[in-house]
Amino acid sequence: MASYVFDTEPLVSFLYREPGHDAVARRLASVESGDAECLIADVTAAELFYLVARIEGRDGGPTQHSLRLADRDVRSLERAGVGIARVDWDLAGEVKADGGISLGDSYAVALAYHRGDTLVVGGDADFDDLPVEVTVERVGARS
């Protein structure tokens, strides 16, 4: 069975039908059919939540309505079979300490590394040179 850990960027692409949407949709369909497992780090869920709240908000900030939409979107991913996992902060800290990667991204890397899962990312170069061995699949602009 395939096992995936999603970073935030592909999930935003999926929610807003941006480049990479179809690749994420295929993976999520395989989760719903029982052919794959998918997780996101708890920090990734928080990052997705605040990004949707800002995108749907006003002038780059959240509104009560956009916060409800963000909650709906994260919960809809859970209902589709995407699990939210707590990540060992010390492993994420080690990944972050190596430099060149955001704190949120380091949590996704740590989760994929710990589980031996494929890390699904977008187009940013932060995942080009990681301090741990992780299989990375790109979706979107650089895929």
N, C-alpha and C. Protein backbone atom coordinates (compact mmCIF):
# COMPACT_ATOMS: atom_id res chain seq x y z
N MET A 1 0.85 -1.18 0.00
CA MET A 1 0.00 0.00 0.00
C MET A 1 0.89 1.24 0.00
N ALA A 2 0.56 2.19 -0.84
CA ALA A 2 1.30 3.45 -0.88
C ALA A 2 0.96 4.28 0.34
N SER A 3 1.96 4.99 0.84
CA SER A 3 1.76 5.88 1.99
C SER A 3 2.36 7.23 1.66
N TYR A 4 1.56 8.27 1.85
CA TYR A 4 1.99 9.62 1.51
C TYR A 4 1.88 10.54 2.72
N VAL A 5 2.80 11.49 2.77
CA VAL A 5 2.71 12.63 3.67
C VAL A 5 2.66 13.86 2.78
N PHE A 6 1.65 14.69 2.98
CA PHE A 6 1.52 15.90 2.18
C PHE A 6 2.10 17.11 2.91
N ASP A 7 2.80 17.92 2.15
CA ASP A 7 3.18 19.26 2.59
C ASP A 7 2.00 20.18 2.29
N THR A 8 2.05 21.40 2.76
CA THR A 8 0.94 22.33 2.61
C THR A 8 0.68 22.75 1.17
N GLU A 9 1.71 23.04 0.41
CA GLU A 9 1.54 23.60 -0.93
C GLU A 9 0.67 22.74 -1.85
N PRO A 10 0.87 21.42 -1.90
CA PRO A 10 0.00 20.62 -2.76
C PRO A 10 -1.46 20.65 -2.32
N LEU A 11 -1.69 20.76 -1.03
CA LEU A 11 -3.07 20.81 -0.54
C LEU A 11 -3.75 22.12 -0.91
N VAL A 12 -3.00 23.21 -0.86
CA VAL A 12 -3.55 24.49 -1.32
C VAL A 12 -3.85 24.40 -2.81
N SER A 13 -2.93 23.80 -3.56
CA SER A 13 -3.16 23.61 -5.01
C SER A 13 -4.43 22.80 -5.26
N PHE A 14 -4.64 21.77 -4.46
CA PHE A 14 -5.83 20.95 -4.60
C PHE A 14 -7.09 21.76 -4.30
N LEU A 15 -7.09 22.46 -3.19
CA LEU A 15 -8.29 23.20 -2.77
C LEU A 15 -8.66 24.30 -3.75
N TYR A 16 -7.65 24.91 -4.40
CA TYR A 16 -7.91 26.04 -5.28
C TYR A 16 -7.73 25.70 -6.76
N ARG A 17 -7.68 24.39 -7.06
CA ARG A 17 -7.59 23.92 -8.45
C ARG A 17 -6.46 24.59 -9.21
N GLU A 18 -5.33 24.68 -8.56
CA GLU A 18 -4.12 25.22 -9.17
C GLU A 18 -3.32 24.07 -9.78
N PRO A 19 -2.22 24.37 -10.52
CA PRO A 19 -1.39 23.29 -11.06
C PRO A 19 -0.99 22.30 -9.95
N GLY A 20 -1.15 21.02 -10.24
CA GLY A 20 -0.89 19.99 -9.26
C GLY A 20 -2.17 19.41 -8.67
N HIS A 21 -3.30 20.08 -8.91
CA HIS A 21 -4.58 19.64 -8.37
C HIS A 21 -4.87 18.19 -8.73
N ASP A 22 -4.72 17.84 -10.00
CA ASP A 22 -5.07 16.49 -10.46
C ASP A 22 -4.22 15.42 -9.78
N ALA A 23 -2.93 15.70 -9.61
CA ALA A 23 -2.03 14.73 -8.97
C ALA A 23 -2.44 14.49 -7.51
N VAL A 24 -2.83 15.54 -6.83
CA VAL A 24 -3.29 15.40 -5.44
C VAL A 24 -4.63 14.66 -5.42
N ALA A 25 -5.52 15.01 -6.34
CA ALA A 25 -6.83 14.35 -6.39
C ALA A 25 -6.68 12.84 -6.62
N ARG A 26 -5.74 12.45 -7.47
CA ARG A 26 -5.51 11.01 -7.70
C ARG A 26 -5.04 10.32 -6.43
N ARG A 27 -4.15 10.96 -5.70
CA ARG A 27 -3.67 10.35 -4.46
C ARG A 27 -4.79 10.26 -3.42
N LEU A 28 -5.60 11.30 -3.34
CA LEU A 28 -6.71 11.28 -2.39
C LEU A 28 -7.74 10.22 -2.78
N ALA A 29 -7.96 10.02 -4.07
CA ALA A 29 -8.88 8.97 -4.52
C ALA A 29 -8.35 7.60 -4.12
N SER A 30 -7.04 7.42 -4.18
CA SER A 30 -6.47 6.13 -3.78
C SER A 30 -6.59 5.91 -2.28
N VAL A 31 -6.63 7.00 -1.51
CA VAL A 31 -6.86 6.89 -0.07
C VAL A 31 -8.31 6.46 0.17
N GLU A 32 -9.24 7.10 -0.51
CA GLU A 32 -10.66 6.78 -0.34
C GLU A 32 -10.97 5.34 -0.76
N SER A 33 -10.24 4.83 -1.76
CA SER A 33 -10.49 3.46 -2.22
C SER A 33 -9.77 2.42 -1.37
N GLY A 34 -8.95 2.87 -0.42
CA GLY A 34 -8.24 1.95 0.44
C GLY A 34 -6.91 1.46 -0.12
N ASP A 35 -6.47 2.04 -1.23
CA ASP A 35 -5.21 1.64 -1.86
C ASP A 35 -4.01 2.41 -1.34
N ALA A 36 -4.24 3.44 -0.55
CA ALA A 36 -3.14 4.26 -0.04
C ALA A 36 -3.54 4.83 1.31
N GLU A 37 -2.53 5.31 2.00
CA GLU A 37 -2.70 6.00 3.28
C GLU A 37 -2.09 7.38 3.13
N CYS A 38 -2.69 8.35 3.75
CA CYS A 38 -2.19 9.72 3.64
C CYS A 38 -2.26 10.41 5.00
N LEU A 39 -1.19 11.12 5.33
CA LEU A 39 -1.13 11.88 6.57
C LEU A 39 -0.62 13.29 6.29
N ILE A 40 -0.95 14.17 7.20
CA ILE A 40 -0.31 15.48 7.26
C ILE A 40 0.12 15.70 8.71
N ALA A 41 1.18 16.44 8.87
CA ALA A 41 1.62 16.80 10.21
C ALA A 41 0.63 17.79 10.82
N ASP A 42 0.53 17.78 12.13
CA ASP A 42 -0.37 18.73 12.79
C ASP A 42 -0.01 20.17 12.45
N VAL A 43 1.27 20.45 12.28
CA VAL A 43 1.71 21.80 11.90
C VAL A 43 1.26 22.12 10.48
N THR A 44 1.25 21.12 9.60
CA THR A 44 0.76 21.32 8.24
C THR A 44 -0.72 21.66 8.26
N ALA A 45 -1.49 20.99 9.12
CA ALA A 45 -2.92 21.30 9.25
C ALA A 45 -3.11 22.75 9.70
N ALA A 46 -2.31 23.19 10.66
CA ALA A 46 -2.41 24.57 11.14
C ALA A 46 -2.02 25.55 10.04
N GLU A 47 -0.98 25.21 9.28
CA GLU A 47 -0.54 26.08 8.19
C GLU A 47 -1.61 26.17 7.11
N LEU A 48 -2.20 25.04 6.75
CA LEU A 48 -3.27 25.04 5.75
C LEU A 48 -4.45 25.87 6.25
N PHE A 49 -4.80 25.71 7.51
CA PHE A 49 -5.90 26.46 8.10
C PHE A 49 -5.68 27.96 7.97
N TYR A 50 -4.50 28.44 8.39
CA TYR A 50 -4.31 29.90 8.36
C TYR A 50 -4.17 30.43 6.95
N LEU A 51 -3.62 29.63 6.02
CA LEU A 51 -3.52 30.09 4.64
C LEU A 51 -4.90 30.24 4.00
N VAL A 52 -5.77 29.25 4.19
CA VAL A 52 -7.13 29.35 3.66
C VAL A 52 -7.85 30.53 4.30
N ALA A 53 -7.70 30.71 5.60
CA ALA A 53 -8.35 31.83 6.29
C ALA A 53 -7.89 33.17 5.71
N ARG A 54 -6.63 33.28 5.37
CA ARG A 54 -6.12 34.53 4.78
C ARG A 54 -6.57 34.69 3.34
N ILE A 55 -6.49 33.60 2.55
CA ILE A 55 -6.89 33.66 1.14
C ILE A 55 -8.36 34.04 1.02
N GLU A 56 -9.19 33.44 1.84
CA GLU A 56 -10.63 33.68 1.79
C GLU A 56 -11.05 34.91 2.59
N GLY A 57 -10.13 35.49 3.33
CA GLY A 57 -10.44 36.65 4.16
C GLY A 57 -10.47 37.95 3.39
N ARG A 58 -10.20 39.00 4.09
CA ARG A 58 -10.24 40.33 3.50
C ARG A 58 -8.88 41.00 3.70
N ASP A 59 -8.34 41.53 2.62
CA ASP A 59 -7.06 42.25 2.66
C ASP A 59 -5.94 41.41 3.27
N GLY A 60 -5.94 40.12 2.96
CA GLY A 60 -4.89 39.23 3.45
C GLY A 60 -5.03 38.79 4.88
N GLY A 61 -6.11 39.17 5.52
CA GLY A 61 -6.34 38.77 6.91
C GLY A 61 -7.60 37.94 7.03
N PRO A 62 -7.74 37.22 8.12
CA PRO A 62 -8.91 36.35 8.29
C PRO A 62 -10.15 37.14 8.70
N THR A 63 -11.28 36.55 8.40
CA THR A 63 -12.58 37.04 8.88
C THR A 63 -13.26 35.85 9.57
N GLN A 64 -14.33 36.09 10.25
CA GLN A 64 -15.05 34.98 10.88
C GLN A 64 -15.49 33.97 9.83
N HIS A 65 -15.95 34.47 8.69
CA HIS A 65 -16.38 33.58 7.61
C HIS A 65 -15.20 32.77 7.07
N SER A 66 -14.07 33.43 6.84
CA SER A 66 -12.92 32.70 6.27
C SER A 66 -12.35 31.68 7.26
N LEU A 67 -12.46 31.95 8.54
CA LEU A 67 -12.02 30.97 9.54
C LEU A 67 -12.91 29.73 9.50
N ARG A 68 -14.21 29.93 9.29
CA ARG A 68 -15.12 28.79 9.15
C ARG A 68 -14.81 27.99 7.89
N LEU A 69 -14.50 28.69 6.79
CA LEU A 69 -14.14 28.00 5.55
C LEU A 69 -12.85 27.20 5.73
N ALA A 70 -11.90 27.76 6.42
CA ALA A 70 -10.64 27.06 6.66
C ALA A 70 -10.88 25.80 7.48
N ASP A 71 -11.69 25.90 8.50
CA ASP A 71 -12.03 24.74 9.31
C ASP A 71 -12.73 23.68 8.46
N ARG A 72 -13.66 24.11 7.63
CA ARG A 72 -14.38 23.19 6.74
C ARG A 72 -13.40 22.46 5.82
N ASP A 73 -12.45 23.18 5.24
CA ASP A 73 -11.51 22.57 4.29
C ASP A 73 -10.61 21.54 4.96
N VAL A 74 -10.10 21.85 6.13
CA VAL A 74 -9.23 20.89 6.83
C VAL A 74 -10.04 19.66 7.22
N ARG A 75 -11.24 19.87 7.72
CA ARG A 75 -12.08 18.73 8.12
C ARG A 75 -12.53 17.89 6.92
N SER A 76 -12.71 18.53 5.77
CA SER A 76 -13.09 17.76 4.58
C SER A 76 -11.96 16.84 4.15
N LEU A 77 -10.73 17.27 4.33
CA LEU A 77 -9.59 16.40 4.04
C LEU A 77 -9.57 15.21 5.01
N GLU A 78 -9.86 15.48 6.27
CA GLU A 78 -9.94 14.39 7.24
C GLU A 78 -11.03 13.38 6.86
N ARG A 79 -12.19 13.90 6.45
CA ARG A 79 -13.29 13.00 6.05
C ARG A 79 -12.91 12.18 4.82
N ALA A 80 -12.03 12.72 3.98
CA ALA A 80 -11.56 12.01 2.78
C ALA A 80 -10.49 10.97 3.13
N GLY A 81 -10.13 10.89 4.41
CA GLY A 81 -9.17 9.88 4.84
C GLY A 81 -7.78 10.37 5.15
N VAL A 82 -7.58 11.68 5.11
CA VAL A 82 -6.27 12.24 5.44
C VAL A 82 -6.15 12.36 6.95
N GLY A 83 -5.20 11.65 7.53
CA GLY A 83 -4.99 11.71 8.96
C GLY A 83 -4.09 12.87 9.36
N ILE A 84 -4.29 13.38 10.55
CA ILE A 84 -3.43 14.44 11.08
C ILE A 84 -2.62 13.82 12.21
N ALA A 85 -1.30 13.89 12.06
CA ALA A 85 -0.40 13.21 13.00
C ALA A 85 0.46 14.21 13.77
N ARG A 86 0.67 13.90 15.02
CA ARG A 86 1.64 14.66 15.81
C ARG A 86 3.03 14.20 15.41
N VAL A 87 3.95 15.12 15.40
CA VAL A 87 5.31 14.84 14.94
C VAL A 87 6.28 15.12 16.08
N ASP A 88 7.31 14.29 16.18
CA ASP A 88 8.35 14.51 17.19
C ASP A 88 9.03 15.85 16.92
N TRP A 89 8.91 16.75 17.87
CA TRP A 89 9.46 18.09 17.68
C TRP A 89 10.97 18.06 17.55
N ASP A 90 11.62 17.09 18.19
CA ASP A 90 13.08 17.07 18.14
C ASP A 90 13.59 16.68 16.76
N LEU A 91 12.92 15.76 16.08
CA LEU A 91 13.34 15.40 14.72
C LEU A 91 13.06 16.56 13.77
N ALA A 92 11.91 17.20 13.91
CA ALA A 92 11.62 18.38 13.08
C ALA A 92 12.66 19.48 13.34
N GLY A 93 13.06 19.63 14.60
CA GLY A 93 14.08 20.62 14.93
C GLY A 93 15.42 20.29 14.30
N GLU A 94 15.77 19.01 14.25
CA GLU A 94 17.02 18.61 13.60
C GLU A 94 16.99 18.94 12.12
N VAL A 95 15.86 18.68 11.46
CA VAL A 95 15.72 18.99 10.04
C VAL A 95 15.82 20.50 9.83
N LYS A 96 15.16 21.27 10.68
CA LYS A 96 15.19 22.73 10.58
C LYS A 96 16.59 23.27 10.86
N ALA A 97 17.29 22.67 11.80
CA ALA A 97 18.62 23.15 12.17
C ALA A 97 19.60 23.07 11.01
N ASP A 98 19.37 22.15 10.10
CA ASP A 98 20.25 22.02 8.94
C ASP A 98 20.13 23.23 8.02
N GLY A 99 19.05 23.99 8.15
CA GLY A 99 18.86 25.21 7.38
C GLY A 99 18.18 24.98 6.05
N GLY A 100 17.76 26.07 5.41
CA GLY A 100 17.20 26.01 4.09
C GLY A 100 15.77 25.52 3.99
N ILE A 101 15.09 25.35 5.09
CA ILE A 101 13.73 24.83 5.06
C ILE A 101 12.92 25.53 6.15
N SER A 102 11.64 25.76 5.87
CA SER A 102 10.80 26.41 6.87
C SER A 102 10.49 25.44 8.00
N LEU A 103 10.06 25.97 9.10
CA LEU A 103 9.70 25.12 10.24
C LEU A 103 8.54 24.20 9.89
N GLY A 104 7.52 24.73 9.23
CA GLY A 104 6.39 23.90 8.83
C GLY A 104 6.82 22.77 7.91
N ASP A 105 7.68 23.07 6.94
CA ASP A 105 8.18 22.04 6.03
C ASP A 105 8.99 20.99 6.78
N SER A 106 9.73 21.42 7.79
CA SER A 106 10.55 20.46 8.54
C SER A 106 9.67 19.43 9.26
N TYR A 107 8.48 19.82 9.67
CA TYR A 107 7.56 18.87 10.30
C TYR A 107 7.07 17.83 9.29
N ALA A 108 6.77 18.27 8.07
CA ALA A 108 6.35 17.32 7.03
C ALA A 108 7.47 16.35 6.71
N VAL A 109 8.70 16.85 6.60
CA VAL A 109 9.85 16.00 6.33
C VAL A 109 10.03 14.99 7.47
N ALA A 110 9.96 15.47 8.70
CA ALA A 110 10.16 14.59 9.86
C ALA A 110 9.11 13.48 9.89
N LEU A 111 7.86 13.80 9.57
CA LEU A 111 6.81 12.79 9.57
C LEU A 111 7.06 11.75 8.49
N ALA A 112 7.40 12.21 7.28
CA ALA A 112 7.67 11.27 6.18
C ALA A 112 8.88 10.40 6.50
N TYR A 113 9.91 10.99 7.06
CA TYR A 113 11.11 10.23 7.42
C TYR A 113 10.80 9.17 8.49
N HIS A 114 10.13 9.59 9.52
CA HIS A 114 9.81 8.70 10.64
C HIS A 114 8.99 7.49 10.17
N ARG A 115 8.04 7.73 9.26
CA ARG A 115 7.15 6.66 8.80
C ARG A 115 7.68 5.92 7.57
N GLY A 116 8.67 6.50 6.89
CA GLY A 116 9.15 5.90 5.65
C GLY A 116 8.20 6.13 4.48
N ASP A 117 7.40 7.19 4.57
CA ASP A 117 6.41 7.51 3.54
C ASP A 117 6.99 8.42 2.47
N THR A 118 6.31 8.50 1.36
CA THR A 118 6.66 9.43 0.29
C THR A 118 6.13 10.80 0.66
N LEU A 119 6.98 11.81 0.57
CA LEU A 119 6.61 13.18 0.87
C LEU A 119 6.16 13.85 -0.42
N VAL A 120 4.93 14.33 -0.45
CA VAL A 120 4.37 15.00 -1.62
C VAL A 120 4.45 16.51 -1.38
N VAL A 121 5.20 17.18 -2.27
CA VAL A 121 5.46 18.62 -2.11
C VAL A 121 5.08 19.35 -3.39
N GLY A 122 5.12 20.66 -3.30
CA GLY A 122 4.86 21.50 -4.46
C GLY A 122 6.16 21.83 -5.18
N GLY A 123 6.25 23.04 -5.65
CA GLY A 123 7.36 23.42 -6.50
C GLY A 123 8.52 24.10 -5.81
N ASP A 124 8.42 24.39 -4.51
CA ASP A 124 9.52 25.14 -3.90
C ASP A 124 10.78 24.28 -3.76
N ALA A 125 11.91 24.95 -3.78
CA ALA A 125 13.22 24.27 -3.78
C ALA A 125 13.67 23.84 -2.39
N ASP A 126 12.89 24.11 -1.36
CA ASP A 126 13.29 23.77 0.01
C ASP A 126 13.57 22.29 0.19
N PHE A 127 13.00 21.46 -0.65
CA PHE A 127 13.11 20.01 -0.48
C PHE A 127 14.21 19.40 -1.35
N ASP A 128 15.03 20.24 -1.98
CA ASP A 128 16.07 19.74 -2.88
C ASP A 128 17.23 19.08 -2.14
N ASP A 129 17.58 19.58 -0.97
CA ASP A 129 18.75 19.08 -0.26
C ASP A 129 18.41 18.90 1.22
N LEU A 130 17.87 17.73 1.55
CA LEU A 130 17.42 17.47 2.91
C LEU A 130 18.48 16.73 3.71
N PRO A 131 18.52 16.94 5.03
CA PRO A 131 19.52 16.27 5.86
C PRO A 131 19.16 14.81 6.20
N VAL A 132 17.96 14.36 5.81
CA VAL A 132 17.54 12.98 6.04
C VAL A 132 17.07 12.41 4.70
N GLU A 133 17.08 11.10 4.61
CA GLU A 133 16.69 10.42 3.37
C GLU A 133 15.18 10.25 3.31
N VAL A 134 14.56 10.98 2.38
CA VAL A 134 13.12 10.94 2.19
C VAL A 134 12.83 10.91 0.70
N THR A 135 11.91 10.05 0.29
CA THR A 135 11.46 10.05 -1.10
C THR A 135 10.51 11.23 -1.28
N VAL A 136 10.82 12.10 -2.25
CA VAL A 136 10.04 13.31 -2.49
C VAL A 136 9.40 13.21 -3.87
N GLU A 137 8.10 13.44 -3.93
CA GLU A 137 7.38 13.54 -5.19
C GLU A 137 6.86 14.97 -5.30
N ARG A 138 7.13 15.58 -6.45
CA ARG A 138 6.68 16.96 -6.68
C ARG A 138 5.40 16.96 -7.50
N VAL A 139 4.50 17.82 -7.13
CA VAL A 139 3.30 18.06 -7.93
C VAL A 139 3.20 19.57 -8.14
N GLY A 140 2.68 19.97 -9.25
CA GLY A 140 2.53 21.39 -9.50
C GLY A 140 3.56 21.92 -10.47
N ALA A 141 3.99 23.14 -10.23
CA ALA A 141 4.79 23.89 -11.20
C ALA A 141 6.11 23.22 -11.56
N ARG A 142 6.82 22.62 -10.61
CA ARG A 142 8.14 22.05 -10.89
C ARG A 142 8.10 20.54 -11.10
N SER A 143 6.91 19.95 -11.09
CA SER A 143 6.83 18.49 -11.17
C SER A 143 7.23 17.95 -12.52
